[in-house]
Amino acid sequence: MHSVLQAPVVHYWRDKRGHEVDFILTLRGQDPIAIECKWKEKQFEPTNMAAFRNQYPAGQNWIVCQDVARNFTQSFDKFKAEFISMEEFSKRINRLVHHEK
């Protein structure tokens, strides 16, 4: 991700209670994109993402999993997350690099 974006827009987030999100993309003029990476979709536990979204409520939430055959959105208590494949993740990063939406 760092090599493709070539800018200091990829961050890691952790609060004092130990909640953490793998990657946060911060692009000028846009809400932060929170990204969690899991080998299997069933491994995702929404507590950390919920803690992040309590502090930063606006923005997309991507859960990148190698076992997602078809992308889908799931609603949690106070946020929605998109479960996406590695292929879809790559496409989205490339769109961000080329400023496509």
N, C-alpha and C. Protein backbone atom coordinates (compact mmCIF):
# COMPACT_ATOMS: atom_id res chain seq x y z
N MET A 1 0.84 -1.17 0.00
CA MET A 1 0.00 0.00 0.00
C MET A 1 0.89 1.25 0.00
N HIS A 2 1.90 1.26 0.86
CA HIS A 2 2.79 2.43 0.92
C HIS A 2 3.46 2.67 -0.42
N SER A 3 3.95 1.61 -1.07
CA SER A 3 4.67 1.79 -2.32
C SER A 3 3.77 2.27 -3.44
N VAL A 4 2.52 1.87 -3.45
CA VAL A 4 1.59 2.30 -4.50
C VAL A 4 1.14 3.73 -4.27
N LEU A 5 0.77 4.06 -3.05
CA LEU A 5 0.27 5.40 -2.77
C LEU A 5 1.38 6.45 -2.75
N GLN A 6 2.60 6.06 -2.38
CA GLN A 6 3.77 6.94 -2.36
C GLN A 6 3.50 8.29 -1.70
N ALA A 7 2.84 8.26 -0.60
CA ALA A 7 2.56 9.47 0.17
C ALA A 7 2.28 9.06 1.61
N PRO A 8 2.47 9.98 2.54
CA PRO A 8 2.24 9.63 3.94
C PRO A 8 0.76 9.64 4.31
N VAL A 9 -0.01 8.83 3.62
CA VAL A 9 -1.46 8.80 3.86
C VAL A 9 -1.90 7.51 4.55
N VAL A 10 -0.98 6.59 4.76
CA VAL A 10 -1.32 5.31 5.39
C VAL A 10 -0.87 5.37 6.85
N HIS A 11 -1.81 5.17 7.75
CA HIS A 11 -1.52 5.25 9.17
C HIS A 11 -2.03 3.99 9.88
N TYR A 12 -1.63 3.87 11.13
CA TYR A 12 -2.07 2.81 12.03
C TYR A 12 -2.78 3.54 13.17
N TRP A 13 -3.83 2.93 13.72
CA TRP A 13 -4.55 3.59 14.81
C TRP A 13 -4.63 2.66 16.01
N ARG A 14 -4.36 3.23 17.18
CA ARG A 14 -4.49 2.49 18.44
C ARG A 14 -4.87 3.48 19.53
N ASP A 15 -5.84 3.10 20.37
CA ASP A 15 -6.23 3.98 21.48
C ASP A 15 -5.60 3.50 22.79
N LYS A 16 -5.84 4.25 23.86
CA LYS A 16 -5.23 3.94 25.15
C LYS A 16 -5.73 2.62 25.74
N ARG A 17 -6.89 2.18 25.30
CA ARG A 17 -7.45 0.91 25.80
C ARG A 17 -6.94 -0.31 25.02
N GLY A 18 -6.16 -0.07 23.98
CA GLY A 18 -5.60 -1.17 23.20
C GLY A 18 -6.38 -1.53 21.95
N HIS A 19 -7.45 -0.81 21.65
CA HIS A 19 -8.16 -1.05 20.39
C HIS A 19 -7.25 -0.59 19.25
N GLU A 20 -7.21 -1.35 18.17
CA GLU A 20 -6.38 -0.96 17.05
C GLU A 20 -7.03 -1.31 15.73
N VAL A 21 -6.70 -0.51 14.72
CA VAL A 21 -7.15 -0.75 13.35
C VAL A 21 -5.89 -0.85 12.51
N ASP A 22 -5.83 -1.85 11.62
CA ASP A 22 -4.61 -2.13 10.86
C ASP A 22 -4.11 -0.93 10.06
N PHE A 23 -5.00 -0.32 9.26
CA PHE A 23 -4.60 0.80 8.41
C PHE A 23 -5.69 1.85 8.38
N ILE A 24 -5.28 3.10 8.36
CA ILE A 24 -6.19 4.22 8.16
C ILE A 24 -5.64 5.02 6.98
N LEU A 25 -6.45 5.17 5.94
CA LEU A 25 -6.06 6.00 4.80
C LEU A 25 -6.64 7.39 5.00
N THR A 26 -5.78 8.38 4.95
CA THR A 26 -6.23 9.76 5.08
C THR A 26 -5.88 10.49 3.80
N LEU A 27 -6.89 10.82 3.04
CA LEU A 27 -6.70 11.51 1.77
C LEU A 27 -7.28 12.91 1.89
N ARG A 28 -6.57 13.87 1.34
CA ARG A 28 -6.98 15.26 1.46
C ARG A 28 -8.43 15.47 1.02
N GLY A 29 -9.19 16.10 1.90
CA GLY A 29 -10.58 16.43 1.58
C GLY A 29 -11.56 15.28 1.71
N GLN A 30 -11.10 14.13 2.22
CA GLN A 30 -11.98 12.96 2.35
C GLN A 30 -11.96 12.45 3.79
N ASP A 31 -13.03 11.76 4.15
CA ASP A 31 -13.09 11.13 5.46
C ASP A 31 -12.11 9.95 5.49
N PRO A 32 -11.60 9.60 6.67
CA PRO A 32 -10.65 8.49 6.74
C PRO A 32 -11.29 7.15 6.38
N ILE A 33 -10.52 6.33 5.69
CA ILE A 33 -10.94 4.97 5.35
C ILE A 33 -10.24 4.03 6.32
N ALA A 34 -11.02 3.27 7.08
CA ALA A 34 -10.46 2.31 8.03
C ALA A 34 -10.38 0.94 7.37
N ILE A 35 -9.24 0.28 7.52
CA ILE A 35 -9.01 -1.01 6.85
C ILE A 35 -8.52 -2.04 7.86
N GLU A 36 -9.22 -3.15 7.93
CA GLU A 36 -8.78 -4.30 8.72
C GLU A 36 -8.48 -5.43 7.74
N CYS A 37 -7.41 -6.16 7.98
CA CYS A 37 -7.04 -7.29 7.13
C CYS A 37 -7.17 -8.58 7.93
N LYS A 38 -7.91 -9.52 7.38
CA LYS A 38 -8.13 -10.81 8.03
C LYS A 38 -7.95 -11.92 7.00
N TRP A 39 -7.43 -13.05 7.44
CA TRP A 39 -7.28 -14.18 6.54
C TRP A 39 -8.67 -14.73 6.17
N LYS A 40 -9.54 -14.82 7.17
CA LYS A 40 -10.90 -15.31 6.93
C LYS A 40 -11.90 -14.28 7.46
N GLU A 41 -12.98 -14.10 6.72
CA GLU A 41 -13.97 -13.09 7.11
C GLU A 41 -14.55 -13.33 8.50
N LYS A 42 -14.68 -14.58 8.90
CA LYS A 42 -15.26 -14.89 10.21
C LYS A 42 -14.35 -14.48 11.37
N GLN A 43 -13.10 -14.16 11.07
CA GLN A 43 -12.17 -13.72 12.11
C GLN A 43 -12.38 -12.25 12.50
N PHE A 44 -13.15 -11.52 11.71
CA PHE A 44 -13.35 -10.09 12.02
C PHE A 44 -14.20 -9.93 13.26
N GLU A 45 -13.72 -9.12 14.18
CA GLU A 45 -14.41 -8.80 15.42
C GLU A 45 -14.59 -7.28 15.40
N PRO A 46 -15.80 -6.76 15.45
CA PRO A 46 -16.04 -5.33 15.21
C PRO A 46 -15.65 -4.36 16.33
N THR A 47 -15.20 -4.84 17.47
CA THR A 47 -14.92 -3.96 18.61
C THR A 47 -13.92 -2.86 18.29
N ASN A 48 -12.82 -3.21 17.62
CA ASN A 48 -11.79 -2.21 17.33
C ASN A 48 -12.27 -1.16 16.34
N MET A 49 -12.95 -1.61 15.30
CA MET A 49 -13.47 -0.67 14.31
C MET A 49 -14.52 0.23 14.95
N ALA A 50 -15.34 -0.32 15.83
CA ALA A 50 -16.35 0.49 16.52
C ALA A 50 -15.69 1.56 17.39
N ALA A 51 -14.60 1.21 18.06
CA ALA A 51 -13.88 2.19 18.88
C ALA A 51 -13.33 3.31 18.01
N PHE A 52 -12.79 2.96 16.85
CA PHE A 52 -12.28 3.99 15.93
C PHE A 52 -13.42 4.89 15.45
N ARG A 53 -14.53 4.28 15.07
CA ARG A 53 -15.65 5.05 14.53
C ARG A 53 -16.36 5.87 15.62
N ASN A 54 -16.21 5.52 16.88
CA ASN A 54 -16.72 6.38 17.95
C ASN A 54 -15.99 7.71 17.95
N GLN A 55 -14.70 7.69 17.63
CA GLN A 55 -13.91 8.92 17.58
C GLN A 55 -13.97 9.61 16.23
N TYR A 56 -14.08 8.83 15.16
CA TYR A 56 -14.10 9.35 13.79
C TYR A 56 -15.28 8.72 13.06
N PRO A 57 -16.48 9.25 13.25
CA PRO A 57 -17.69 8.57 12.77
C PRO A 57 -17.86 8.49 11.25
N ALA A 58 -17.30 9.40 10.50
CA ALA A 58 -17.52 9.41 9.05
C ALA A 58 -16.39 8.68 8.32
N GLY A 59 -16.74 7.98 7.26
CA GLY A 59 -15.74 7.32 6.43
C GLY A 59 -16.12 5.88 6.14
N GLN A 60 -15.41 5.32 5.18
CA GLN A 60 -15.65 3.94 4.77
C GLN A 60 -14.87 2.99 5.68
N ASN A 61 -15.37 1.76 5.76
CA ASN A 61 -14.73 0.70 6.53
C ASN A 61 -14.58 -0.52 5.63
N TRP A 62 -13.35 -0.91 5.38
CA TRP A 62 -13.08 -2.05 4.52
C TRP A 62 -12.48 -3.18 5.35
N ILE A 63 -13.03 -4.37 5.19
CA ILE A 63 -12.47 -5.57 5.80
C ILE A 63 -11.95 -6.41 4.63
N VAL A 64 -10.65 -6.52 4.52
CA VAL A 64 -10.02 -7.21 3.39
C VAL A 64 -9.72 -8.64 3.82
N CYS A 65 -10.29 -9.61 3.07
CA CYS A 65 -10.14 -11.03 3.43
C CYS A 65 -9.81 -11.84 2.18
N GLN A 66 -8.95 -12.82 2.35
CA GLN A 66 -8.60 -13.66 1.20
C GLN A 66 -9.72 -14.62 0.84
N ASP A 67 -10.65 -14.88 1.74
CA ASP A 67 -11.70 -15.87 1.45
C ASP A 67 -13.02 -15.24 0.99
N VAL A 68 -13.04 -13.94 0.71
CA VAL A 68 -14.27 -13.30 0.23
C VAL A 68 -14.37 -13.52 -1.28
N ALA A 69 -15.35 -14.30 -1.69
CA ALA A 69 -15.56 -14.56 -3.11
C ALA A 69 -16.40 -13.47 -3.76
N ARG A 70 -17.34 -12.93 -3.01
CA ARG A 70 -18.21 -11.87 -3.50
C ARG A 70 -18.26 -10.79 -2.42
N ASN A 71 -17.96 -9.56 -2.80
CA ASN A 71 -17.95 -8.45 -1.84
C ASN A 71 -19.35 -8.25 -1.26
N PHE A 72 -19.40 -7.89 0.03
CA PHE A 72 -20.69 -7.64 0.67
C PHE A 72 -20.53 -6.63 1.79
N THR A 73 -21.63 -6.03 2.20
CA THR A 73 -21.65 -5.06 3.28
C THR A 73 -22.40 -5.65 4.46
N GLN A 74 -21.87 -5.44 5.64
CA GLN A 74 -22.52 -5.93 6.86
C GLN A 74 -22.67 -4.75 7.82
N SER A 75 -23.84 -4.66 8.45
CA SER A 75 -24.10 -3.62 9.45
C SER A 75 -23.77 -4.13 10.83
N PHE A 76 -23.12 -3.27 11.59
CA PHE A 76 -22.82 -3.55 12.99
C PHE A 76 -23.57 -2.51 13.81
N ASP A 77 -23.32 -2.44 15.08
CA ASP A 77 -24.09 -1.56 15.96
C ASP A 77 -24.14 -0.11 15.47
N LYS A 78 -22.99 0.51 15.23
CA LYS A 78 -22.98 1.92 14.85
C LYS A 78 -22.24 2.20 13.55
N PHE A 79 -21.93 1.18 12.79
CA PHE A 79 -21.23 1.39 11.52
C PHE A 79 -21.51 0.22 10.57
N LYS A 80 -21.19 0.45 9.30
CA LYS A 80 -21.27 -0.59 8.29
C LYS A 80 -19.86 -0.85 7.79
N ALA A 81 -19.59 -2.08 7.42
CA ALA A 81 -18.28 -2.44 6.88
C ALA A 81 -18.47 -3.22 5.59
N GLU A 82 -17.58 -2.95 4.65
CA GLU A 82 -17.57 -3.69 3.39
C GLU A 82 -16.51 -4.78 3.48
N PHE A 83 -16.92 -6.00 3.27
CA PHE A 83 -15.99 -7.12 3.22
C PHE A 83 -15.60 -7.29 1.76
N ILE A 84 -14.31 -7.14 1.49
CA ILE A 84 -13.85 -7.15 0.10
C ILE A 84 -12.69 -8.13 -0.08
N SER A 85 -12.56 -8.59 -1.32
CA SER A 85 -11.47 -9.50 -1.67
C SER A 85 -10.17 -8.73 -1.85
N MET A 86 -9.07 -9.45 -1.91
CA MET A 86 -7.77 -8.82 -2.18
C MET A 86 -7.79 -8.14 -3.55
N GLU A 87 -8.44 -8.78 -4.51
CA GLU A 87 -8.53 -8.20 -5.85
C GLU A 87 -9.27 -6.86 -5.82
N GLU A 88 -10.39 -6.81 -5.12
CA GLU A 88 -11.15 -5.57 -5.01
C GLU A 88 -10.34 -4.51 -4.27
N PHE A 89 -9.63 -4.90 -3.24
CA PHE A 89 -8.78 -3.97 -2.50
C PHE A 89 -7.75 -3.33 -3.44
N SER A 90 -7.11 -4.16 -4.24
CA SER A 90 -6.12 -3.67 -5.20
C SER A 90 -6.74 -2.67 -6.17
N LYS A 91 -7.94 -2.98 -6.66
CA LYS A 91 -8.63 -2.07 -7.58
C LYS A 91 -8.93 -0.73 -6.91
N ARG A 92 -9.39 -0.79 -5.66
CA ARG A 92 -9.73 0.45 -4.95
C ARG A 92 -8.50 1.31 -4.69
N ILE A 93 -7.41 0.67 -4.33
CA ILE A 93 -6.17 1.42 -4.11
C ILE A 93 -5.72 2.07 -5.41
N ASN A 94 -5.78 1.33 -6.50
CA ASN A 94 -5.40 1.90 -7.80
C ASN A 94 -6.30 3.07 -8.18
N ARG A 95 -7.60 2.97 -7.90
CA ARG A 95 -8.51 4.09 -8.17
C ARG A 95 -8.12 5.32 -7.35
N LEU A 96 -7.77 5.10 -6.09
CA LEU A 96 -7.35 6.22 -5.24
C LEU A 96 -6.10 6.88 -5.80
N VAL A 97 -5.16 6.07 -6.26
CA VAL A 97 -3.93 6.60 -6.83
C VAL A 97 -4.22 7.43 -8.07
N HIS A 98 -5.15 6.97 -8.87
CA HIS A 98 -5.47 7.66 -10.12
C HIS A 98 -6.63 8.63 -9.96
N HIS A 99 -7.03 8.88 -8.70
CA HIS A 99 -8.09 9.85 -8.36
C HIS A 99 -9.42 9.55 -9.02
N GLU A 100 -9.71 8.26 -9.21
CA GLU A 100 -11.02 7.86 -9.74
C GLU A 100 -11.92 7.54 -8.57
N LYS A 101 -13.23 7.62 -8.80
CA LYS A 101 -14.18 7.28 -7.74
C LYS A 101 -15.16 6.26 -8.24
